[in-house]
Amino acid sequence: MSTLNVEQRRKSSFVHQTPNLVENALLSLDEAAACLRMSRRTFYRKRPQLVASGLKQVRDQKRYKFPASSVRQFIDTAVKTGTLVRN
């Protein structure tokens, strides 16, 4: 049994996901939501606030895609400020 607490496990699992983001890749909504540790439904609901807070989105025909570099930058900013969206 692991002696890591919940916060340490979450950080360690996130560290393993982050390097796999290719800088020029466009992430689907599901992939972006997974990187932000949100459900698809929560991501849909919060998307306007996330975009207003700096997350970039690209329209690919009828769907939105999210640049991996933007998602990474958004996560870094959220970690530094301690909040996901600006008020």
C-alpha atoms as a PDB file:
ATOM      1  CA  MET A   1       0.000   0.000   0.000  1.00  0.00           C
ATOM      2  CA  SER A   2       1.291   3.433  -0.914  1.00  0.00           C
ATOM      3  CA  THR A   3       2.086   5.901   1.846  1.00  0.00           C
ATOM      4  CA  LEU A   4       1.456   8.911  -0.418  1.00  0.00           C
ATOM      5  CA  ASN A   5      -1.425  11.116   0.570  1.00  0.00           C
ATOM      6  CA  VAL A   6      -4.118  12.091  -1.932  1.00  0.00           C
ATOM      7  CA  GLU A   7      -2.475  15.412  -2.902  1.00  0.00           C
ATOM      8  CA  GLN A   8       0.892  13.736  -3.565  1.00  0.00           C
ATOM      9  CA  ARG A   9      -0.733  11.023  -5.689  1.00  0.00           C
ATOM     10  CA  ARG A  10      -2.622  13.614  -7.718  1.00  0.00           C
ATOM     11  CA  LYS A  11       0.547  15.635  -8.322  1.00  0.00           C
ATOM     12  CA  SER A  12       2.578  12.579  -9.283  1.00  0.00           C
ATOM     13  CA  SER A  13      -0.058  11.317 -11.721  1.00  0.00           C
ATOM     14  CA  PHE A  14      -0.326  14.788 -13.284  1.00  0.00           C
ATOM     15  CA  VAL A  15       3.444  14.977 -13.712  1.00  0.00           C
ATOM     16  CA  HIS A  16       3.280  11.779 -15.756  1.00  0.00           C
ATOM     17  CA  GLN A  17       0.563  13.216 -18.036  1.00  0.00           C
ATOM     18  CA  THR A  18       2.074  16.641 -18.690  1.00  0.00           C
ATOM     19  CA  PRO A  19       5.275  15.640 -20.574  1.00  0.00           C
ATOM     20  CA  ASN A  20       3.173  13.667 -23.050  1.00  0.00           C
ATOM     21  CA  LEU A  21       1.642  16.877 -24.388  1.00  0.00           C
ATOM     22  CA  VAL A  22       3.168  17.636 -27.768  1.00  0.00           C
ATOM     23  CA  GLU A  23       3.588  21.393 -28.106  1.00  0.00           C
ATOM     24  CA  ASN A  24       1.980  21.732 -31.559  1.00  0.00           C
ATOM     25  CA  ALA A  25      -0.813  19.242 -30.921  1.00  0.00           C
ATOM     26  CA  LEU A  26      -4.457  20.224 -30.830  1.00  0.00           C
ATOM     27  CA  LEU A  27      -6.341  18.520 -28.028  1.00  0.00           C
ATOM     28  CA  SER A  28      -9.965  17.510 -28.238  1.00  0.00           C
ATOM     29  CA  LEU A  29     -12.398  18.749 -25.641  1.00  0.00           C
ATOM     30  CA  ASP A  30     -12.178  15.411 -23.824  1.00  0.00           C
ATOM     31  CA  GLU A  31      -8.374  15.504 -23.768  1.00  0.00           C
ATOM     32  CA  ALA A  32      -8.280  19.098 -22.526  1.00  0.00           C
ATOM     33  CA  ALA A  33     -10.826  18.276 -19.828  1.00  0.00           C
ATOM     34  CA  ALA A  34      -8.723  15.291 -18.725  1.00  0.00           C
ATOM     35  CA  CYS A  35      -5.601  17.460 -18.481  1.00  0.00           C
ATOM     36  CA  LEU A  36      -7.523  19.928 -16.313  1.00  0.00           C
ATOM     37  CA  ARG A  37      -8.942  17.070 -14.213  1.00  0.00           C
ATOM     38  CA  MET A  38     -12.546  17.950 -15.094  1.00  0.00           C
ATOM     39  CA  SER A  39     -15.428  15.964 -16.393  1.00  0.00           C
ATOM     40  CA  ARG A  40     -16.638  16.693 -19.911  1.00  0.00           C
ATOM     41  CA  ARG A  41     -19.820  18.220 -18.517  1.00  0.00           C
ATOM     42  CA  THR A  42     -17.938  20.557 -16.153  1.00  0.00           C
ATOM     43  CA  PHE A  43     -15.590  21.572 -18.953  1.00  0.00           C
ATOM     44  CA  TYR A  44     -18.545  22.504 -21.188  1.00  0.00           C
ATOM     45  CA  ARG A  45     -20.078  24.537 -18.385  1.00  0.00           C
ATOM     46  CA  LYS A  46     -16.829  26.309 -17.443  1.00  0.00           C
ATOM     47  CA  ARG A  47     -15.441  26.752 -20.984  1.00  0.00           C
ATOM     48  CA  PRO A  48     -16.471  30.435 -21.332  1.00  0.00           C
ATOM     49  CA  GLN A  49     -14.754  31.231 -18.024  1.00  0.00           C
ATOM     50  CA  LEU A  50     -11.687  29.186 -18.936  1.00  0.00           C
ATOM     51  CA  VAL A  51     -11.342  30.977 -22.276  1.00  0.00           C
ATOM     52  CA  ALA A  52     -11.794  34.351 -20.568  1.00  0.00           C
ATOM     53  CA  SER A  53      -9.035  33.342 -18.145  1.00  0.00           C
ATOM     54  CA  GLY A  54      -6.561  32.604 -20.930  1.00  0.00           C
ATOM     55  CA  LEU A  55      -7.237  29.159 -22.357  1.00  0.00           C
ATOM     56  CA  LYS A  56      -6.992  29.357 -26.136  1.00  0.00           C
ATOM     57  CA  GLN A  57      -9.355  27.493 -28.435  1.00  0.00           C
ATOM     58  CA  VAL A  58      -9.311  26.890 -32.183  1.00  0.00           C
ATOM     59  CA  ARG A  59     -12.356  26.159 -34.289  1.00  0.00           C
ATOM     60  CA  ASP A  60     -11.752  23.018 -36.370  1.00  0.00           C
ATOM     61  CA  GLN A  61     -14.739  22.780 -38.697  1.00  0.00           C
ATOM     62  CA  LYS A  62     -17.599  22.296 -36.207  1.00  0.00           C
ATOM     63  CA  ARG A  63     -15.535  21.416 -33.134  1.00  0.00           C
ATOM     64  CA  TYR A  64     -13.285  23.342 -30.812  1.00  0.00           C
ATOM     65  CA  LYS A  65      -9.728  22.161 -30.276  1.00  0.00           C
ATOM     66  CA  PHE A  66      -7.310  23.375 -27.639  1.00  0.00           C
ATOM     67  CA  PRO A  67      -3.565  23.842 -28.310  1.00  0.00           C
ATOM     68  CA  ALA A  68      -1.538  21.676 -25.937  1.00  0.00           C
ATOM     69  CA  SER A  69       0.844  24.564 -25.269  1.00  0.00           C
ATOM     70  CA  SER A  70      -2.101  26.738 -24.209  1.00  0.00           C
ATOM     71  CA  VAL A  71      -3.411  24.030 -21.868  1.00  0.00           C
ATOM     72  CA  ARG A  72       0.036  23.628 -20.311  1.00  0.00           C
ATOM     73  CA  GLN A  73       0.433  27.400 -19.880  1.00  0.00           C
ATOM     74  CA  PHE A  74      -3.062  27.631 -18.403  1.00  0.00           C
ATOM     75  CA  ILE A  75      -2.241  24.899 -15.876  1.00  0.00           C
ATOM     76  CA  ASP A  76       1.045  26.579 -14.927  1.00  0.00           C
ATOM     77  CA  THR A  77      -0.763  29.881 -14.354  1.00  0.00           C
ATOM     78  CA  ALA A  78      -3.488  28.166 -12.323  1.00  0.00           C
ATOM     79  CA  VAL A  79      -0.882  26.496 -10.120  1.00  0.00           C
ATOM     80  CA  LYS A  80       0.938  29.801  -9.518  1.00  0.00           C
ATOM     81  CA  THR A  81      -2.232  31.777  -8.736  1.00  0.00           C
ATOM     82  CA  GLY A  82      -3.995  28.969  -6.906  1.00  0.00           C
ATOM     83  CA  THR A  83      -7.205  29.387  -8.902  1.00  0.00           C
ATOM     84  CA  LEU A  84      -8.455  28.002 -12.192  1.00  0.00           C
ATOM     85  CA  VAL A  85     -10.470  30.993 -13.431  1.00  0.00           C
ATOM     86  CA  ARG A  86     -10.179  34.727 -12.943  1.00  0.00           C
ATOM     87  CA  ASN A  87     -12.909  36.517 -11.069  1.00  0.00           C
END
